[in-house]
């Protein structure tokens, strides 16, 4: 953008607001609207005004430069996509109600792309026939769509969002690991150039499938993800991805099961109080329905079940809590007194904390009755062990045992080793070195481009407004003419000289706007350097302010030009 014309605010399509939007919940939503970067078009749909589009374009530029640097090739695929390839991979149904589905006038089924694995797979199938055509990395910066039930948090959670998605294609697993490593390093460079504070966290694959998966999370109070960080070692993970090993214990000294009369104790709290035992000594059994079939989920009584983890385990099956009607005709299921021993035709999954040999107080499958000395592996069997508890602050680090800390974060990037899931579904083969067909292995790598704008706003803003890092800011310098003719003349003159020096300049030359409003807007808009033509303009002296630190100094026009040109 060097030598771009000076942008005069008197001609800029952007109006700043004094008050927060009534529906704004998070800081980035409030400030991006108030500073004139975005405007709401409809629920979850946003229009980018000139200042916002500049920031968005700067992020795109950084992403492109780093993707090109690892040998990736940019393409552009359609956003409107046919049903058939998504049906072949099962994702037409797996995506559920968040997938925008539509029909053309002939009744053909289409969708608005949430991600493009299937379409990139088809593209490479069409273009690559031999191992000599691979490896290849393709990427695009493209709008994606998600039919959010409740769009919120401004551009953080919209129905339309801008994303960089790239895909690697290799003939061997070692090649996939190399492509994954290239992306991981490129993402680190991208987020460092953007000025984002981020963590690389182990993650689950979800609907994407595949094996290894990592998220790039930007810590922020507005984040929808919770991640765990170890203060002692390098462990970091999304709480949904934390797993613990199964640790059986010796139960040979545990007496036989003994039933206890426990009237009016259908909850863990009432049971613990009645027996005067800690909740951690009890076994909680949550009943859910998985595609209509009842499943019991066992966790220690002092822990909560993470339903997102349960849903992830059974995906793409539908998971819902049981209702009172589900107990009808099931004498083995006694509401408030369910225990894993004696359950009939019920799949039982349990957290690894319910390890073989552990002894519990739990329901006896009789009204008003519990049982103690109920031992996992002796008195009941666990069909599958799954980490299903809500992770808590202080839980041991799976790597070193130190208590974990929890924080909220915004997901800004995600990388996956997909393996051959999509290649198998769409039969992507190339001729191998030995003259026989070889199934291609894939990786998928995403960056939320529009989301990065919000993440930066959340992390860098202060009490006065936005504070952009220079490389993504809409301008390098915001020149403010305090109002008088001599001040405006100096502001415009120095703005042109700054432009000639290769700097991007925004100048507030608005007539009839008070100096106080201009200064407030300059801080709200958040350009890294604010240069004010004020009370000493007649002497050719301006005030230079660092937007981030608040430091000020008076400089002549030539000194200001030299100082800013050297940055």
Protein backbone atom coordinates (compact mmCIF):
# COMPACT_ATOMS: atom_id res chain seq x y z
CA UNK A 1 0.00 0.00 0.00
CA UNK A 2 3.03 2.29 -0.19
CA UNK A 3 2.31 5.64 -1.89
CA UNK A 4 -1.44 5.10 -1.64
CA UNK A 5 -3.35 8.40 -1.73
CA UNK A 6 -3.81 10.23 1.55
CA UNK A 7 -7.20 9.26 2.96
CA UNK A 8 -9.11 12.35 4.08
CA UNK A 9 -11.68 11.75 6.80
CA UNK A 10 -13.83 14.47 5.27
CA UNK A 11 -14.40 12.02 2.40
CA UNK A 12 -14.21 8.74 4.33
CA UNK A 13 -17.25 6.45 4.41
CA UNK A 14 -17.15 5.91 8.16
CA UNK A 15 -19.05 7.48 10.99
CA UNK A 16 -17.82 7.05 14.54
CA UNK A 17 -20.28 6.53 17.39
CA UNK A 18 -20.09 7.78 20.96
CA UNK A 19 -22.16 4.93 22.44
CA UNK A 20 -21.85 1.16 22.25
CA UNK A 21 -24.36 -0.68 20.03
CA UNK A 22 -27.30 -1.92 22.10
CA UNK A 23 -26.74 -5.55 21.07
CA UNK A 24 -22.95 -5.58 21.58
CA UNK A 25 -21.73 -8.13 24.12
CA UNK A 26 -17.96 -8.12 23.67
CA UNK A 27 -15.29 -5.45 23.36
CA UNK A 28 -14.39 -6.08 19.71
CA UNK A 29 -18.04 -5.82 18.66
CA UNK A 30 -18.43 -2.50 20.47
CA UNK A 31 -15.23 -0.90 19.20
CA UNK A 32 -15.29 -2.10 15.58
CA UNK A 33 -18.79 -0.66 15.17
CA UNK A 34 -18.11 2.55 17.09
CA UNK A 35 -14.85 3.22 15.20
CA UNK A 36 -16.53 2.79 11.81
CA UNK A 37 -14.89 -0.49 10.72
CA UNK A 38 -17.98 -2.66 10.28
CA UNK A 39 -21.76 -2.36 10.21
CA UNK A 40 -24.37 -5.03 10.83
CA UNK A 41 -26.36 -6.02 7.74
CA UNK A 42 -28.45 -8.79 9.34
CA UNK A 43 -28.05 -11.31 12.14
CA UNK A 44 -24.55 -12.79 11.70
CA UNK A 45 -23.87 -10.81 8.51
CA UNK A 46 -21.47 -7.86 8.45
CA UNK A 47 -20.46 -5.19 5.95
CA UNK A 48 -16.84 -4.07 5.99
CA UNK A 49 -16.37 -0.31 5.67
CA UNK A 50 -13.16 1.18 4.17
CA UNK A 51 -11.12 1.17 7.40
CA UNK A 52 -12.19 -2.38 8.23
CA UNK A 53 -11.51 -3.57 4.69
CA UNK A 54 -7.96 -2.19 4.95
CA UNK A 55 -7.30 -4.15 8.13
CA UNK A 56 -8.83 -7.26 6.58
CA UNK A 57 -6.70 -6.82 3.45
CA UNK A 58 -3.52 -6.43 5.52
CA UNK A 59 -4.21 -9.70 7.30
CA UNK A 60 -4.89 -11.39 3.96
CA UNK A 61 -1.57 -10.04 2.64
CA UNK A 62 0.40 -11.46 5.56
CA UNK A 63 -1.33 -14.81 5.23
CA UNK A 64 -0.63 -14.93 1.48
CA UNK A 65 3.02 -14.03 1.92
CA UNK A 66 3.62 -16.80 4.44
CA UNK A 67 1.61 -19.39 2.51
CA UNK A 68 3.46 -18.56 -0.68
CA UNK A 69 6.73 -18.89 1.24
CA UNK A 70 6.07 -22.61 1.93
CA UNK A 71 5.32 -23.26 -1.74
CA UNK A 72 1.53 -23.20 -1.47
CA UNK A 73 -0.43 -22.20 -4.57
CA UNK A 74 -3.50 -19.96 -4.34
CA UNK A 75 -6.73 -20.92 -6.08
CA UNK A 76 -10.34 -19.83 -5.70
CA UNK A 77 -13.15 -22.36 -5.54
CA UNK A 78 -16.89 -21.60 -5.51
CA UNK A 79 -18.75 -20.97 -2.27
CA UNK A 80 -21.93 -22.59 -3.68
CA UNK A 81 -21.23 -26.33 -3.74
CA UNK A 82 -23.03 -29.48 -4.92
CA UNK A 83 -24.46 -32.00 -2.48
CA UNK A 84 -22.93 -35.14 -3.97
CA UNK A 85 -19.30 -34.95 -2.72
CA UNK A 86 -20.47 -34.02 0.79
CA UNK A 87 -22.90 -36.90 0.74
CA UNK A 88 -20.06 -39.23 -0.28
CA UNK A 89 -18.10 -38.27 2.84
CA UNK A 90 -21.16 -38.29 5.10
CA UNK A 91 -20.87 -34.61 5.97
CA UNK A 92 -24.11 -33.61 4.27
CA UNK A 93 -25.87 -35.08 7.31
CA UNK A 94 -23.06 -34.86 9.89
CA UNK A 95 -22.96 -31.09 9.80
CA UNK A 96 -26.55 -30.97 11.01
CA UNK A 97 -28.57 -27.74 11.10
CA UNK A 98 -25.50 -25.48 10.88
CA UNK A 99 -25.09 -26.35 7.19
CA UNK A 100 -26.75 -23.92 4.78
CA UNK A 101 -28.67 -26.16 2.36
CA UNK A 102 -30.58 -24.87 -0.68
CA UNK A 103 -32.05 -25.99 -3.97
CA UNK A 104 -31.86 -24.55 -7.45
CA UNK A 105 -34.92 -24.07 -9.64
CA UNK A 106 -34.62 -27.64 -10.90
CA UNK A 107 -34.63 -29.13 -7.42
CA UNK A 108 -30.91 -29.85 -7.27
CA UNK A 109 -29.38 -29.80 -3.78
CA UNK A 110 -26.54 -27.42 -2.95
CA UNK A 111 -24.83 -26.00 0.12
CA UNK A 112 -22.86 -22.93 1.08
CA UNK A 113 -19.40 -24.21 1.91
CA UNK A 114 -18.40 -24.42 5.60
CA UNK A 115 -15.07 -25.98 4.54
CA UNK A 116 -13.84 -27.28 1.18
CA UNK A 117 -12.12 -30.64 1.79
CA UNK A 118 -14.36 -32.48 -0.65
CA UNK A 119 -14.05 -29.92 -3.44
CA UNK A 120 -10.26 -29.66 -3.17
CA UNK A 121 -10.09 -33.45 -3.22
CA UNK A 122 -12.10 -33.49 -6.44
CA UNK A 123 -9.88 -30.78 -7.93
CA UNK A 124 -6.68 -32.72 -7.25
CA UNK A 125 -8.31 -35.92 -8.52
CA UNK A 126 -8.94 -34.09 -11.79
CA UNK A 127 -5.47 -32.54 -12.03
CA UNK A 128 -3.07 -35.13 -10.54
CA UNK A 129 -2.60 -38.57 -12.04
CA UNK A 130 0.92 -39.54 -10.95
CA UNK A 131 3.11 -39.36 -7.85
CA UNK A 132 5.16 -36.91 -9.92
CA UNK A 133 2.31 -34.40 -9.56
CA UNK A 134 2.62 -34.51 -5.77
CA UNK A 135 3.17 -33.26 -3.14
CA UNK A 136 1.12 -30.13 -3.60
CA UNK A 137 -0.34 -27.54 -1.23
CA UNK A 138 -3.32 -25.50 -2.42
CA UNK A 139 -5.04 -22.66 -0.58
CA UNK A 140 -7.74 -20.06 -0.94
CA UNK A 141 -9.06 -17.08 0.99
CA UNK A 142 -12.78 -17.52 0.71
CA UNK A 143 -16.02 -16.75 2.54
CA UNK A 144 -17.45 -19.65 4.53
CA UNK A 145 -20.96 -20.10 5.86
CA UNK A 146 -22.47 -21.54 9.02
CA UNK A 147 -26.15 -21.30 9.97
CA UNK A 148 -25.61 -20.25 13.56
CA UNK A 149 -28.69 -20.60 15.74
CA UNK A 150 -27.69 -17.46 17.64
CA UNK A 151 -25.05 -15.36 15.92
CA UNK A 152 -23.25 -13.34 18.56
CA UNK A 153 -20.15 -11.37 19.49
CA UNK A 154 -20.06 -9.36 16.27
CA UNK A 155 -17.67 -10.79 13.68
CA UNK A 156 -16.44 -13.43 16.13
CA UNK A 157 -19.46 -15.65 15.57
CA UNK A 158 -21.15 -14.86 12.28
CA UNK A 159 -23.02 -16.76 9.62
CA UNK A 160 -20.57 -15.58 6.95
CA UNK A 161 -16.86 -15.29 7.70
CA UNK A 162 -13.61 -14.98 5.78
CA UNK A 163 -11.19 -17.86 6.09
CA UNK A 164 -7.93 -19.07 4.64
CA UNK A 165 -8.18 -22.80 4.07
CA UNK A 166 -5.34 -24.84 2.63
CA UNK A 167 -4.96 -28.52 1.84
CA UNK A 168 -1.91 -30.69 1.39
CA UNK A 169 -1.78 -33.80 -0.78
CA UNK A 170 0.97 -36.41 -0.37
CA UNK A 171 1.51 -40.02 -1.31
CA UNK A 172 3.11 -41.04 1.98
CA UNK A 173 2.44 -40.42 5.67
CA UNK A 174 5.93 -38.97 6.06
CA UNK A 175 5.05 -36.40 3.41
CA UNK A 176 1.88 -35.48 5.28
CA UNK A 177 3.87 -34.99 8.47
CA UNK A 178 6.23 -32.66 6.57
CA UNK A 179 3.35 -30.63 5.07
CA UNK A 180 1.80 -30.37 8.53
CA UNK A 181 5.09 -29.12 9.99
CA UNK A 182 5.40 -26.53 7.20
CA UNK A 183 1.95 -25.18 8.02
CA UNK A 184 2.57 -25.19 11.75
CA UNK A 185 5.70 -23.07 11.32
CA UNK A 186 3.98 -20.77 8.80
CA UNK A 187 1.11 -20.20 11.24
CA UNK A 188 3.55 -19.24 13.96
CA UNK A 189 5.10 -16.65 11.65
CA UNK A 190 1.68 -15.34 10.60
CA UNK A 191 0.39 -14.84 14.12
CA UNK A 192 3.66 -13.30 15.27
CA UNK A 193 3.53 -10.83 12.38
CA UNK A 194 -0.08 -10.03 13.23
CA UNK A 195 0.97 -9.21 16.78
CA UNK A 196 -1.32 -11.82 18.35
CA UNK A 197 -0.66 -13.51 21.66
CA UNK A 198 -1.45 -17.18 20.98
CA UNK A 199 -1.06 -20.73 22.27
CA UNK A 200 -0.71 -23.93 20.26
CA UNK A 201 -3.03 -26.48 21.86
CA UNK A 202 -3.81 -30.13 21.27
CA UNK A 203 -7.34 -30.41 19.90
CA UNK A 204 -10.00 -32.85 18.78
CA UNK A 205 -10.69 -33.41 15.08
CA UNK A 206 -14.49 -33.13 15.32
CA UNK A 207 -16.44 -33.28 12.06
CA UNK A 208 -13.22 -32.82 10.08
CA UNK A 209 -11.96 -36.28 10.97
CA UNK A 210 -8.36 -37.41 10.81
CA UNK A 211 -5.74 -38.04 13.45
CA UNK A 212 -3.46 -35.30 14.76
CA UNK A 213 -5.02 -31.90 15.30
CA UNK A 214 -3.86 -28.65 16.90
CA UNK A 215 -5.55 -25.32 17.51
CA UNK A 216 -4.03 -21.87 17.60
CA UNK A 217 -5.84 -20.02 20.37
CA UNK A 218 -5.70 -16.32 21.22
CA UNK A 219 -6.37 -15.81 24.95
CA UNK A 220 -9.25 -13.35 25.39
CA UNK A 221 -12.16 -12.92 27.77
CA UNK A 222 -14.56 -13.06 24.79
CA UNK A 223 -13.28 -16.48 23.69
CA UNK A 224 -15.66 -19.39 23.36
CA UNK A 225 -12.98 -22.04 23.82
CA UNK A 226 -11.50 -23.02 27.17
CA UNK A 227 -7.92 -24.24 27.15
CA UNK A 228 -5.67 -25.66 29.81
CA UNK A 229 -2.10 -24.49 30.24
CA UNK A 230 0.56 -26.05 32.42
CA UNK A 231 2.66 -23.51 34.33
CA UNK A 232 5.51 -26.02 34.68
CA UNK A 233 5.92 -27.74 31.29
CA UNK A 234 4.96 -27.01 27.67
CA UNK A 235 1.60 -28.80 27.80
CA UNK A 236 -1.39 -26.87 26.42
CA UNK A 237 -4.66 -28.27 25.13
CA UNK A 238 -8.26 -27.44 24.49
CA UNK A 239 -10.13 -28.88 27.47
CA UNK A 240 -12.11 -31.08 25.05
CA UNK A 241 -8.87 -32.78 24.00
CA UNK A 242 -7.39 -33.56 27.44
CA UNK A 243 -7.12 -37.27 28.16
CA UNK A 244 -5.84 -39.23 31.13
CA UNK A 245 -4.51 -42.80 31.21
CA UNK A 246 -6.50 -45.57 32.85
CA UNK A 247 -4.92 -46.46 36.22
CA UNK A 248 -6.41 -49.68 37.70
CA UNK A 249 -6.13 -50.17 41.47
CA UNK A 250 -6.15 -53.24 43.71
CA UNK A 251 -9.64 -53.89 45.09
CA UNK A 252 -8.95 -57.20 46.83
CA UNK A 253 -9.55 -55.70 50.29
CA UNK A 254 -12.87 -54.04 49.37
CA UNK A 255 -15.84 -55.79 51.06
CA UNK A 256 -18.84 -57.06 49.15
CA UNK A 257 -21.54 -54.70 47.94
CA UNK A 258 -23.82 -53.46 50.74
CA UNK A 259 -27.14 -51.77 50.18
CA UNK A 260 -28.04 -48.69 52.24
CA UNK A 261 -31.46 -47.20 52.95
CA UNK A 262 -31.20 -43.63 51.67
CA UNK A 263 -34.69 -42.15 51.47
CA UNK A 264 -35.18 -38.86 49.62
CA UNK A 265 -31.62 -38.70 48.25
CA UNK A 266 -32.02 -38.54 44.46
CA UNK A 267 -29.13 -36.09 44.00
CA UNK A 268 -25.44 -36.33 44.72
CA UNK A 269 -25.69 -33.39 47.12
CA UNK A 270 -28.51 -34.94 49.16
CA UNK A 271 -26.81 -38.35 49.19
CA UNK A 272 -23.45 -36.97 50.35
CA UNK A 273 -25.15 -34.98 53.10
CA UNK A 274 -27.26 -37.94 54.25
CA UNK A 275 -24.27 -40.32 54.48
CA UNK A 276 -21.83 -37.60 55.60
CA UNK A 277 -19.36 -38.50 52.84
CA UNK A 278 -17.62 -36.32 50.26
CA UNK A 279 -19.27 -36.15 46.85
CA UNK A 280 -16.03 -37.56 45.41
CA UNK A 281 -16.83 -40.90 47.07
CA UNK A 282 -20.01 -41.26 45.04
CA UNK A 283 -20.54 -42.34 41.45
CA UNK A 284 -22.76 -40.14 39.30
CA UNK A 285 -24.58 -41.87 36.44
CA UNK A 286 -26.00 -39.54 33.80
CA UNK A 287 -28.44 -41.04 31.33
CA UNK A 288 -28.50 -39.82 27.74
CA UNK A 289 -30.04 -41.05 24.51
CA UNK A 290 -27.81 -41.74 21.53
CA UNK A 291 -29.91 -42.00 18.39
CA UNK A 292 -32.77 -42.98 20.70
CA UNK A 293 -30.88 -45.67 22.66
CA UNK A 294 -30.20 -45.07 26.36
CA UNK A 295 -26.56 -44.81 27.40
CA UNK A 296 -25.27 -44.30 30.95
CA UNK A 297 -22.26 -42.05 31.58
CA UNK A 298 -20.32 -42.56 34.81
CA UNK A 299 -18.20 -39.87 36.50
CA UNK A 300 -17.16 -39.16 40.10
CA UNK A 301 -19.95 -37.45 42.01
CA UNK A 302 -17.98 -34.23 42.48
CA UNK A 303 -17.47 -33.77 38.74
CA UNK A 304 -19.75 -32.62 35.92
CA UNK A 305 -20.25 -34.44 32.62
CA UNK A 306 -19.00 -32.50 29.59
CA UNK A 307 -21.80 -33.15 27.09
CA UNK A 308 -19.66 -31.78 24.26
CA UNK A 309 -17.20 -34.61 24.88
CA UNK A 310 -20.02 -37.15 24.95
CA UNK A 311 -21.36 -35.79 21.67
CA UNK A 312 -17.88 -35.87 20.13
CA UNK A 313 -17.45 -39.51 21.16
CA UNK A 314 -20.72 -40.60 19.57
CA UNK A 315 -20.63 -38.26 16.54
CA UNK A 316 -22.33 -38.17 14.13
CA UNK A 317 -25.08 -39.78 16.22
CA UNK A 318 -27.50 -37.42 17.96
CA UNK A 319 -27.10 -37.14 21.74
CA UNK A 320 -29.80 -35.80 24.08
CA UNK A 321 -30.65 -36.03 27.76
CA UNK A 322 -33.33 -38.51 28.85
CA UNK A 323 -36.72 -37.25 29.97
CA UNK A 324 -39.19 -38.55 32.57
CA UNK A 325 -41.00 -40.47 29.81
CA UNK A 326 -37.88 -42.52 29.08
CA UNK A 327 -38.17 -44.23 32.48
CA UNK A 328 -41.61 -45.59 31.64
CA UNK A 329 -41.50 -49.34 31.13
CA UNK A 330 -37.92 -49.57 32.36
CA UNK A 331 -37.98 -51.03 35.90
CA UNK A 332 -34.18 -51.31 35.81
CA UNK A 333 -33.93 -47.51 35.57
CA UNK A 334 -35.00 -45.88 38.82
CA UNK A 335 -34.82 -42.13 38.56
CA UNK A 336 -32.32 -40.68 41.06
CA UNK A 337 -31.07 -44.11 42.10
CA UNK A 338 -29.40 -45.52 38.98
CA UNK A 339 -26.29 -47.65 39.46
CA UNK A 340 -24.16 -49.38 36.83
CA UNK A 341 -24.55 -52.80 38.47
CA UNK A 342 -27.55 -54.67 37.13
CA UNK A 343 -28.35 -52.32 34.25
CA UNK A 344 -30.08 -54.11 31.39
CA UNK A 345 -29.59 -53.27 27.72
CA UNK A 346 -27.77 -50.07 28.56
CA UNK A 347 -24.33 -49.18 27.18
CA UNK A 348 -22.13 -47.90 30.01
CA UNK A 349 -19.30 -45.48 29.32
CA UNK A 350 -17.18 -44.01 32.08
CA UNK A 351 -14.45 -41.50 32.71
CA UNK A 352 -10.99 -43.03 33.33
CA UNK A 353 -11.33 -41.92 36.96
CA UNK A 354 -13.78 -44.84 37.27
CA UNK A 355 -10.83 -47.19 36.73
CA UNK A 356 -10.97 -50.95 37.43
CA UNK A 357 -10.67 -51.54 41.17
CA UNK A 358 -12.06 -48.17 42.25
CA UNK A 359 -14.85 -48.42 44.83
CA UNK A 360 -17.95 -46.23 44.89
CA UNK A 361 -21.23 -45.38 46.54
CA UNK A 362 -23.88 -45.36 43.84
CA UNK A 363 -27.52 -46.06 43.14
CA UNK A 364 -28.85 -49.55 43.86
CA UNK A 365 -31.51 -49.36 41.14
CA UNK A 366 -34.18 -49.29 43.86
CA UNK A 367 -36.13 -46.29 45.05
CA UNK A 368 -34.65 -44.80 48.23
CA UNK A 369 -31.67 -47.16 48.14
CA UNK A 370 -27.98 -46.81 47.37
CA UNK A 371 -25.11 -49.28 47.49
CA UNK A 372 -21.57 -48.96 48.79
CA UNK A 373 -18.41 -50.93 47.97
CA UNK A 374 -19.45 -51.07 44.32
CA UNK A 375 -16.20 -51.86 42.49
CA UNK A 376 -15.53 -51.15 38.83
CA UNK A 377 -14.54 -54.33 37.03
CA UNK A 378 -15.85 -56.55 39.84
CA UNK A 379 -19.48 -55.49 40.28
CA UNK A 380 -20.00 -53.78 36.94
CA UNK A 381 -18.27 -53.53 33.59
CA UNK A 382 -17.45 -50.42 31.60
CA UNK A 383 -18.10 -50.80 27.87
CA UNK A 384 -15.83 -47.90 26.92
CA UNK A 385 -13.63 -45.47 28.82
CA UNK A 386 -13.89 -41.89 27.57
CA UNK A 387 -12.64 -38.65 29.13
CA UNK A 388 -16.01 -37.01 29.73
CA UNK A 389 -15.63 -34.79 32.80
CA UNK A 390 -15.51 -31.01 32.66
CA UNK A 391 -11.86 -30.11 33.22
CA UNK A 392 -11.31 -27.99 36.32
CA UNK A 393 -8.64 -25.53 37.40
CA UNK A 394 -5.98 -27.49 39.27
CA UNK A 395 -6.55 -30.83 37.52
CA UNK A 396 -3.18 -32.55 37.05
CA UNK A 397 -1.24 -31.93 33.87
CA UNK A 398 -1.28 -35.19 31.86
CA UNK A 399 2.39 -34.64 31.07
CA UNK A 400 3.98 -33.64 34.40
CA UNK A 401 1.25 -33.70 37.06
CA UNK A 402 1.35 -29.98 37.92
CA UNK A 403 -2.03 -28.31 38.47
CA UNK A 404 -3.42 -26.88 35.24
CA UNK A 405 -4.62 -23.31 34.77
CA UNK A 406 -7.67 -22.57 32.61
CA UNK A 407 -8.29 -19.59 30.36
CA UNK A 408 -10.73 -18.46 27.69
CA UNK A 409 -9.53 -18.05 24.11
CA UNK A 410 -10.56 -17.34 20.53
CA UNK A 411 -9.74 -20.01 17.98
CA UNK A 412 -7.77 -18.28 15.22
CA UNK A 413 -6.32 -21.30 13.44
CA UNK A 414 -6.65 -25.08 13.27
CA UNK A 415 -4.50 -27.67 11.54
CA UNK A 416 -5.41 -31.31 10.89
CA UNK A 417 -3.71 -34.42 9.62
CA UNK A 418 -6.76 -35.77 7.81
CA UNK A 419 -5.10 -38.91 6.50
CA UNK A 420 -7.14 -40.74 3.86
CA UNK A 421 -10.72 -40.08 5.04
CA UNK A 422 -11.63 -37.86 2.09
CA UNK A 423 -9.40 -39.63 -0.40
CA UNK A 424 -11.11 -42.93 0.50
CA UNK A 425 -14.59 -41.47 0.15
CA UNK A 426 -13.85 -39.80 -3.19
CA UNK A 427 -11.33 -42.39 -4.43
CA UNK A 428 -8.36 -40.08 -4.87
CA UNK A 429 -5.51 -42.24 -6.21
CA UNK A 430 -2.41 -41.51 -8.24
CA UNK A 431 -0.04 -43.84 -10.02
CA UNK A 432 2.77 -44.67 -7.59
CA UNK A 433 6.48 -45.23 -8.12
CA UNK A 434 5.90 -48.94 -8.57
CA UNK A 435 3.31 -48.42 -11.29
CA UNK A 436 0.37 -49.22 -9.01
CA UNK A 437 -2.39 -46.92 -7.70
CA UNK A 438 -1.56 -45.17 -4.42
CA UNK A 439 -4.18 -43.62 -2.16
CA UNK A 440 -3.36 -39.98 -1.41
CA UNK A 441 -3.12 -38.69 2.17
CA UNK A 442 -4.29 -35.18 3.08
CA UNK A 443 -3.96 -32.35 5.55
CA UNK A 444 -6.35 -29.47 6.17
CA UNK A 445 -5.33 -26.11 7.61
CA UNK A 446 -7.53 -23.12 8.43
CA UNK A 447 -7.06 -19.53 9.61
CA UNK A 448 -9.98 -17.31 10.55
CA UNK A 449 -9.05 -14.13 8.67
CA UNK A 450 -12.04 -12.02 9.72
CA UNK A 451 -11.93 -13.58 13.18
CA UNK A 452 -8.29 -12.47 13.52
CA UNK A 453 -9.51 -8.85 13.23
CA UNK A 454 -11.75 -9.36 16.25
CA UNK A 455 -9.06 -11.28 18.16
CA UNK A 456 -6.61 -8.41 17.66
CA UNK A 457 -9.21 -5.91 18.82
CA UNK A 458 -9.91 -7.99 21.93
CA UNK A 459 -6.24 -8.36 22.83
CA UNK A 460 -4.86 -4.91 22.04
CA UNK A 461 -7.64 -2.39 22.75
CA UNK A 462 -7.48 -0.10 25.77
CA UNK A 463 -9.99 2.12 27.57
CA UNK A 464 -9.84 4.69 24.75
CA UNK A 465 -10.37 2.41 21.75
CA UNK A 466 -8.57 0.21 19.25
CA UNK A 467 -4.76 -0.08 19.19
CA UNK A 468 -3.66 -1.80 15.98
CA UNK A 469 -0.19 -3.28 15.43
CA UNK A 470 1.40 -1.37 12.57
CA UNK A 471 1.44 -4.18 10.02
CA UNK A 472 -2.34 -4.62 10.15
CA UNK A 473 -3.42 -1.03 10.91
CA UNK A 474 -5.50 0.84 8.29
CA UNK A 475 -2.79 3.53 8.18
CA UNK A 476 0.67 4.16 9.58
CA UNK A 477 -0.10 7.70 10.74
CA UNK A 478 -3.30 9.48 11.70
CA UNK A 479 -2.76 13.21 11.15
CA UNK A 480 -5.18 15.46 13.02
CA UNK A 481 -5.84 19.09 12.04
CA UNK A 482 -7.12 20.76 15.20
CA UNK A 483 -9.41 23.03 13.19
CA UNK A 484 -7.97 26.41 12.24
CA UNK A 485 -6.91 27.14 8.68
CA UNK A 486 -3.19 27.19 9.49
CA UNK A 487 -3.53 23.87 11.28
CA UNK A 488 -5.40 22.27 8.40
CA UNK A 489 -2.84 23.60 5.91
CA UNK A 490 0.06 22.15 7.91
CA UNK A 491 -1.76 18.83 8.41
CA UNK A 492 -2.43 18.41 4.69
CA UNK A 493 1.12 19.45 3.74
CA UNK A 494 2.79 17.03 6.15
CA UNK A 495 0.34 14.28 5.14
CA UNK A 496 1.43 14.58 1.53
CA UNK A 497 5.11 14.47 2.49
CA UNK A 498 4.51 11.37 4.61
CA UNK A 499 2.75 9.74 1.67
CA UNK A 500 5.68 10.53 -0.61
CA UNK A 501 7.94 8.87 1.96
CA UNK A 502 5.95 5.65 1.52
CA UNK A 503 3.74 5.91 4.59
CA UNK A 504 0.00 5.23 4.64
CA UNK A 505 -1.77 8.33 5.92
CA UNK A 506 -5.21 9.05 7.34
CA UNK A 507 -5.80 12.77 7.89
CA UNK A 508 -8.68 14.28 9.86
CA UNK A 509 -9.48 17.42 7.88
CA UNK A 510 -13.15 17.56 8.79
CA UNK A 511 -14.52 21.06 9.04
CA UNK A 512 -16.90 21.94 11.82
CA UNK A 513 -15.74 19.12 14.06
CA UNK A 514 -14.25 20.12 17.41
CA UNK A 515 -10.63 19.27 18.30
CA UNK A 516 -11.89 17.17 21.23
CA UNK A 517 -14.02 14.98 18.97
CA UNK A 518 -11.12 14.58 16.52
CA UNK A 519 -8.73 13.55 19.29
CA UNK A 520 -11.29 11.10 20.69
CA UNK A 521 -11.86 9.60 17.23
CA UNK A 522 -8.12 9.26 16.63
CA UNK A 523 -7.76 7.18 19.77
CA UNK A 524 -10.90 5.18 18.97
CA UNK A 525 -9.72 4.36 15.42
CA UNK A 526 -6.38 3.13 16.78
CA UNK A 527 -3.75 3.96 14.13
CA UNK A 528 -0.28 3.39 15.71
CA UNK A 529 0.89 7.04 15.49
CA UNK A 530 -1.16 10.21 15.89
CA UNK A 531 0.37 13.45 14.56
CA UNK A 532 -1.47 16.60 15.67
CA UNK A 533 -1.27 20.00 13.99
CA UNK A 534 -2.35 22.05 16.98
CA UNK A 535 -1.51 25.22 18.88
CA UNK A 536 2.06 25.54 17.52
CA UNK A 537 1.17 25.00 13.88
CA UNK A 538 2.14 28.56 12.99
CA UNK A 539 5.68 27.67 14.10
CA UNK A 540 5.66 24.48 12.02
CA UNK A 541 5.61 22.32 15.20
CA UNK A 542 3.42 19.24 15.61
CA UNK A 543 2.77 16.79 18.43
CA UNK A 544 3.53 13.10 17.83
CA UNK A 545 1.75 10.57 20.03
CA UNK A 546 2.39 6.84 20.27
CA UNK A 547 -1.10 5.33 20.41
CA UNK A 548 0.00 2.27 22.38
CA UNK A 549 2.25 3.84 25.02
CA UNK A 550 0.67 7.30 25.14
CA UNK A 551 4.12 8.96 24.88
CA UNK A 552 4.07 12.43 23.32
CA UNK A 553 6.72 14.75 21.91
CA UNK A 554 6.78 17.97 19.93
CA UNK A 555 8.60 17.88 16.58
CA UNK A 556 9.00 20.08 13.57
CA UNK A 557 7.45 18.82 10.37
CA UNK A 558 10.86 17.67 9.09
CA UNK A 559 11.66 15.92 12.37
CA UNK A 560 8.29 14.18 12.37
CA UNK A 561 8.84 13.07 8.79
CA UNK A 562 12.29 11.69 9.64
CA UNK A 563 11.03 9.97 12.79
CA UNK A 564 8.05 8.29 11.17
CA UNK A 565 9.93 7.33 8.00
CA UNK A 566 12.49 5.50 10.13
CA UNK A 567 9.91 3.29 11.85
